[in-house]
Protein backbone atom coordinates (compact mmCIF):
# COMPACT_ATOMS: atom_id res chain seq x y z
CA MET A 1 -16.02 28.04 12.94
CA ARG A 2 -12.26 27.38 12.93
CA PRO A 3 -10.10 29.78 15.00
CA ARG A 4 -7.71 31.53 12.61
CA ARG A 5 -4.84 31.15 15.06
CA PHE A 6 -4.85 27.41 14.45
CA LEU A 7 -5.17 27.72 10.68
CA PRO A 8 -1.77 29.04 9.55
CA SER A 9 -1.41 30.02 5.91
CA ILE A 10 0.02 27.60 3.36
CA SER A 11 3.12 29.81 2.98
CA LEU A 12 3.91 29.53 6.70
CA LEU A 13 3.34 25.77 6.77
CA SER A 14 5.31 25.15 3.57
CA ALA A 15 8.30 27.09 4.89
CA PHE A 16 8.21 25.24 8.21
CA GLU A 17 7.84 21.83 6.58
CA ALA A 18 10.72 22.52 4.18
CA VAL A 19 13.04 23.63 6.99
CA LEU A 20 12.09 20.60 9.10
CA ARG A 21 12.65 18.18 6.22
CA THR A 22 15.86 19.67 4.77
CA GLY A 23 17.40 20.63 8.10
CA SER A 24 18.42 24.15 7.16
CA ILE A 25 17.08 27.55 6.19
CA SER A 26 19.28 27.75 3.10
CA ALA A 27 18.20 24.36 1.71
CA ALA A 28 14.54 25.14 2.43
CA ALA A 29 14.88 28.52 0.71
CA ARG A 30 16.18 26.87 -2.45
CA GLU A 31 13.37 24.35 -2.42
CA VAL A 32 10.50 26.84 -1.98
CA ASN A 33 12.24 29.43 -4.20
CA LEU A 34 12.41 32.18 -1.56
CA THR A 35 15.24 34.06 0.09
CA GLN A 36 16.71 32.77 3.33
CA SER A 37 15.53 35.86 5.20
CA THR A 38 11.97 35.33 3.92
CA VAL A 39 11.94 31.67 5.02
CA SER A 40 13.35 32.61 8.42
CA ARG A 41 10.69 35.29 8.82
CA LEU A 42 7.91 32.85 7.83
CA VAL A 43 9.05 30.31 10.43
CA GLN A 44 9.19 33.01 13.10
CA SER A 45 5.69 34.17 12.12
CA LEU A 46 4.39 30.63 12.50
CA GLU A 47 5.97 30.37 15.96
CA GLU A 48 4.35 33.66 16.96
CA GLN A 49 0.96 32.55 15.66
CA LEU A 50 1.14 29.23 17.51
CA GLY A 51 2.61 30.80 20.63
CA ARG A 52 5.38 28.20 20.91
CA ALA A 53 8.93 27.78 19.64
CA LEU A 54 9.37 25.19 16.90
CA PHE A 55 13.16 25.20 16.81
CA GLU A 56 16.01 25.67 19.23
CA ARG A 57 18.58 28.01 17.74
CA HIS A 58 22.28 27.24 18.20
CA ARG A 59 24.53 29.59 16.25
CA GLN A 60 23.55 28.94 12.62
CA ARG A 61 21.69 25.72 13.34
CA LEU A 62 17.97 25.10 13.86
CA ILE A 63 17.13 22.04 15.98
CA PRO A 64 13.43 21.09 15.95
CA THR A 65 11.76 20.35 19.26
CA GLU A 66 10.07 16.97 19.75
CA ALA A 67 6.69 18.70 19.62
CA ALA A 68 7.67 20.39 16.34
CA GLN A 69 8.61 17.04 14.81
CA ALA A 70 5.20 15.59 15.70
CA TYR A 71 3.48 18.72 14.39
CA GLY A 72 5.57 18.48 11.22
CA ARG A 73 4.28 14.99 10.48
CA ASP A 74 0.70 16.30 10.64
CA VAL A 75 1.60 19.28 8.46
CA THR A 76 3.26 17.02 5.87
CA ARG A 77 0.17 14.79 5.66
CA ALA A 78 -2.08 17.83 5.32
CA LEU A 79 0.05 19.38 2.56
CA ASP A 80 0.20 16.04 0.73
CA LEU A 81 -3.59 15.77 0.94
CA ILE A 82 -4.07 19.29 -0.41
CA GLN A 83 -1.61 18.61 -3.23
CA ARG A 84 -3.35 15.36 -4.15
CA GLY A 85 -6.75 17.01 -4.13
CA SER A 86 -5.49 19.85 -6.31
CA MET A 87 -3.92 17.43 -8.79
CA GLU A 88 -7.13 15.39 -8.96
CA PHE A 89 -9.23 18.51 -9.51
CA SER A 90 -6.85 19.77 -12.19
CA ALA A 91 -6.90 16.41 -13.99
CA ASN A 92 -10.66 16.02 -13.68
CA PRO A 93 -12.49 19.25 -12.72
CA GLY A 94 -15.80 17.40 -12.87
CA GLY A 95 -14.87 15.71 -9.62
CA GLY A 96 -14.87 12.18 -11.01
CA ALA A 97 -11.71 10.97 -9.27
CA LEU A 98 -11.24 7.82 -7.23
CA SER A 99 -8.17 7.53 -5.00
CA LEU A 100 -7.56 3.85 -4.37
CA ALA A 101 -4.95 2.17 -2.15
CA ILE A 102 -3.94 -1.21 -3.53
CA LEU A 103 -1.86 -4.21 -2.51
CA PRO A 104 1.17 -4.34 -4.87
CA ALA A 105 0.80 -7.85 -6.32
CA PHE A 106 -3.00 -7.73 -6.45
CA GLY A 107 -2.91 -4.34 -8.13
CA THR A 108 -0.30 -5.33 -10.70
CA ARG A 109 -1.49 -8.82 -11.62
CA TRP A 110 -5.25 -8.85 -10.97
CA LEU A 111 -6.60 -5.31 -11.01
CA ALA A 112 -4.46 -3.44 -13.55
CA PRO A 113 -5.20 -5.75 -16.52
CA ARG A 114 -8.93 -5.23 -15.93
CA LEU A 115 -8.97 -1.47 -15.33
CA GLY A 116 -9.19 -0.63 -19.02
CA THR A 117 -12.68 -2.10 -19.11
CA PHE A 118 -13.80 0.01 -16.16
CA LEU A 119 -12.37 3.23 -17.61
CA THR A 120 -13.97 2.54 -21.00
CA ARG A 121 -17.37 2.10 -19.36
CA ASN A 122 -16.86 5.11 -17.06
CA PRO A 123 -15.04 7.73 -19.18
CA GLY A 124 -15.66 10.52 -16.66
CA VAL A 125 -13.78 8.76 -13.85
CA THR A 126 -10.07 9.15 -13.12
CA ILE A 127 -8.44 6.50 -10.91
CA ASN A 128 -5.37 7.35 -8.84
CA LEU A 129 -3.51 4.34 -7.42
CA ALA A 130 -1.02 4.07 -4.56
CA THR A 131 0.32 0.97 -2.84
CA ARG A 132 -0.16 0.26 0.84
CA LEU A 133 0.93 -2.99 2.50
CA LYS A 134 -0.83 -2.36 5.80
CA ARG A 135 -4.12 -0.80 6.82
CA PHE A 136 -4.13 2.93 7.51
CA ASN A 137 -6.33 5.80 8.68
CA PHE A 138 -8.62 6.87 5.84
CA ALA A 139 -9.08 10.35 7.31
CA ALA A 140 -5.32 10.95 7.48
CA GLU A 141 -4.44 9.47 4.08
CA GLY A 142 -7.33 10.81 2.02
CA PHE A 143 -8.11 7.63 0.04
CA ASP A 144 -11.65 6.91 -1.14
CA ALA A 145 -11.20 3.14 -0.86
CA ALA A 146 -8.62 0.38 -0.50
CA ILE A 147 -8.03 -3.23 -1.44
CA HIS A 148 -7.62 -5.13 1.83
CA PHE A 149 -6.59 -8.71 2.55
CA GLY A 150 -7.83 -10.58 5.60
CA ALA A 151 -11.31 -10.39 7.12
CA ASP A 152 -14.11 -7.81 7.14
CA ASP A 153 -12.61 -6.13 10.19
CA TRP A 154 -11.44 -2.71 8.98
CA ARG A 155 -12.69 -0.31 11.62
CA ASP A 156 -15.38 2.23 10.65
CA ALA A 157 -15.37 1.05 7.03
CA GLY A 158 -17.74 -0.53 4.55
CA HIS A 159 -16.68 -3.89 3.08
CA MET A 160 -17.36 -5.76 -0.16
CA LYS A 161 -15.87 -9.24 -0.48
CA LEU A 162 -14.06 -9.91 -3.75
CA PHE A 163 -12.89 -13.53 -3.40
CA GLU A 164 -11.15 -15.96 -1.08
CA GLU A 165 -7.43 -16.40 -1.56
CA ARG A 166 -6.40 -19.84 -2.82
CA LEU A 167 -2.77 -20.92 -2.79
CA THR A 168 -0.54 -23.09 -4.95
CA ALA A 169 3.01 -24.18 -4.07
CA CYS A 170 5.38 -23.37 -6.95
CA ILE A 171 8.97 -24.34 -7.64
CA ALA A 172 11.51 -23.48 -10.34
CA PRO A 173 12.06 -26.29 -12.89
CA SER A 174 15.79 -26.27 -12.12
CA LEU A 175 15.24 -26.78 -8.37
CA LEU A 176 12.62 -29.46 -9.04
CA SER A 177 15.07 -31.42 -11.19
CA GLU A 178 17.56 -31.38 -8.31
CA HIS A 179 14.92 -32.24 -5.70
CA PRO A 180 11.99 -34.20 -7.24
CA VAL A 181 8.68 -33.99 -5.37
CA ARG A 182 6.20 -36.85 -5.87
CA THR A 183 4.58 -36.89 -2.41
CA VAL A 184 4.27 -34.37 0.39
CA HIS A 185 7.06 -36.15 2.25
CA ASP A 186 9.47 -35.24 -0.55
CA MET A 187 9.12 -31.60 0.52
CA ALA A 188 11.52 -32.30 3.39
CA GLY A 189 14.73 -30.34 2.97
CA LEU A 190 13.34 -27.80 0.52
CA PRO A 191 13.53 -24.14 1.58
CA LEU A 192 9.98 -22.81 1.98
CA LEU A 193 9.69 -19.09 1.24
CA GLN A 194 7.56 -17.16 3.73
CA LEU A 195 5.51 -13.98 3.47
CA GLU A 196 5.33 -11.66 6.48
CA THR A 197 1.56 -11.26 6.23
CA ARG A 198 0.81 -15.00 5.83
CA GLY A 199 2.43 -16.43 8.93
CA ASN A 200 0.51 -19.74 8.98
CA ALA A 201 0.13 -20.25 5.23
CA TRP A 202 2.47 -23.24 5.00
CA GLU A 203 0.75 -24.93 7.94
CA ILE A 204 -2.59 -24.58 6.13
CA TRP A 205 -1.11 -25.84 2.84
CA PHE A 206 0.45 -28.93 4.42
CA ALA A 207 -2.82 -29.70 6.21
CA ALA A 208 -4.59 -29.62 2.83
CA GLN A 209 -2.01 -32.14 1.57
CA GLY A 210 -2.80 -34.42 4.55
CA ALA A 211 0.44 -33.82 6.42
CA ALA A 212 1.85 -31.79 9.29
CA ALA A 213 3.98 -28.79 8.38
CA PRO A 214 7.73 -29.20 8.95
CA CYS A 215 9.92 -26.51 10.48
CA VAL A 216 9.86 -23.69 7.92
CA THR A 217 13.39 -22.47 7.22
CA GLY A 218 13.10 -20.43 4.02
CA MET A 219 13.58 -16.70 3.44
CA LEU A 220 11.09 -14.23 4.92
CA LEU A 221 9.83 -11.66 2.42
CA ASP A 222 7.37 -8.76 2.55
CA GLN A 223 5.86 -8.89 -0.95
CA PHE A 224 4.64 -11.56 -3.35
CA ALA A 225 6.59 -10.02 -6.23
CA THR A 226 9.89 -10.57 -4.40
CA MET A 227 8.84 -14.06 -3.36
CA THR A 228 7.93 -14.96 -6.95
CA GLN A 229 11.30 -13.83 -8.26
CA ALA A 230 13.09 -15.68 -5.48
CA ALA A 231 11.26 -18.87 -6.45
CA ILE A 232 12.03 -18.38 -10.16
CA SER A 233 15.70 -18.01 -9.20
CA GLY A 234 15.58 -21.37 -7.44
CA LEU A 235 15.91 -20.01 -3.90
CA GLY A 236 12.97 -21.99 -2.56
CA VAL A 237 9.33 -22.98 -2.93
CA ALA A 238 6.81 -20.13 -3.07
CA LEU A 239 3.23 -20.37 -1.87
CA LEU A 240 1.42 -18.06 -4.29
CA PRO A 241 -2.19 -16.91 -4.78
CA ASP A 242 -3.67 -18.47 -7.89
CA TYR A 243 -3.86 -15.15 -9.75
CA LEU A 244 -0.04 -15.03 -9.51
CA ALA A 245 0.72 -18.74 -9.72
CA ASP A 246 -1.37 -19.37 -12.85
CA VAL A 247 0.61 -16.84 -14.91
CA GLU A 248 4.02 -18.16 -13.85
CA ILE A 249 2.94 -21.77 -14.40
CA GLU A 250 1.47 -21.05 -17.85
CA GLU A 251 4.70 -19.30 -18.89
CA GLU A 252 6.70 -22.26 -17.47
CA ARG A 253 8.81 -20.18 -15.11
CA LEU A 254 7.41 -22.17 -12.18
CA VAL A 255 5.94 -25.67 -11.72
CA PRO A 256 3.03 -26.44 -9.36
CA LEU A 257 3.56 -28.98 -6.60
CA LEU A 258 1.02 -31.59 -5.45
CA LYS A 259 -2.56 -30.45 -4.78
CA ARG A 260 -3.18 -27.04 -6.33
CA SER A 261 -5.43 -24.14 -5.30
CA VAL A 262 -5.92 -24.93 -1.61
CA PRO A 263 -7.86 -22.48 0.62
CA GLY A 264 -5.64 -19.72 2.00
CA THR A 265 -5.66 -17.56 5.10
CA GLY A 266 -8.23 -14.91 4.17
CA ALA A 267 -10.03 -13.01 1.44
CA TYR A 268 -9.63 -9.87 -0.64
CA TRP A 269 -11.99 -7.00 0.11
CA LEU A 270 -12.81 -3.58 -1.21
CA VAL A 271 -13.12 -1.29 1.82
CA TRP A 272 -14.09 2.36 2.07
CA PRO A 273 -14.75 4.97 4.77
CA GLN A 274 -18.44 5.35 5.55
CA SER A 275 -18.23 9.06 4.69
CA ARG A 276 -17.35 8.15 1.06
CA ALA A 277 -19.90 5.38 0.58
CA ASN A 278 -22.00 7.44 -1.84
CA HIS A 279 -19.09 9.00 -3.75
CA PRO A 280 -20.19 8.48 -7.40
CA PRO A 281 -16.83 7.20 -8.73
CA LEU A 282 -16.66 4.75 -5.82
CA GLU A 283 -20.19 3.55 -6.48
CA ALA A 284 -19.31 2.97 -10.14
CA PHE A 285 -16.11 1.14 -9.21
CA ARG A 286 -17.88 -0.97 -6.60
CA ASN A 287 -20.59 -2.03 -9.06
CA TRP A 288 -18.00 -2.86 -11.71
CA LEU A 289 -15.90 -4.91 -9.27
CA ALA A 290 -18.96 -6.85 -8.13
CA ALA A 291 -19.65 -7.81 -11.75
CA GLU A 292 -16.01 -8.75 -12.36
CA VAL A 293 -15.74 -11.13 -9.42
CA SER A 294 -19.14 -12.70 -9.99
């Protein structure tokens, strides 16, 4: 049984979260469509219920305490989770919703073009997608599953391997005409674009070409989409997964260099919290993915 003292009502939490985020009673009142006096009273009621002050009051200003800021982050996550659950239930009252965290490039270029097939075969399932670049806490975020790159090392999660990443070095035709590459030694002097999450990718690629990696001096980027556009613009050579490289090469925006499709630094995985392993939409999605990658 949950003590009621530590389960404030949604109205109290919403008022507190709005004041914390907007920085004022008046702005919060406009956002939640209540009077300023009502919002002020709700915040005071929450303080009384918790037995601690949330704000320091200086004239007309409310300054949140450090503890209140930490509490506010938890409240915001909880309200977001309730909102997401309500939206999913409203969209699909049968409960057939799958909340999936995806990697941006993988989701856009590999998964999205295939999702129509899954939805056609599973008409009762609704898929909600959100991008995440780094791993997160399933319990805090409320996702049913995620697409993960690396190894099968997500803590307290089930794993299903999709495929190993394979990489191809790609260059814009304009840059290649200025700096022809016939052997791996011709790579000297070219800017090599780097991805934050693939720190040793160029070292692995050069080893596959039978050479030692030079000092990498290209731009550092956080997403493949940005790296791809930088390469198309002639800003350097991009080391791209084949599911990205193949499209750009076929459409002649980029040209492959030397040996193509070399083994990368990890694999793509579907991961899920153990508590959701038997969630019917997840089971359907997992079975479909297994067939797709096979």
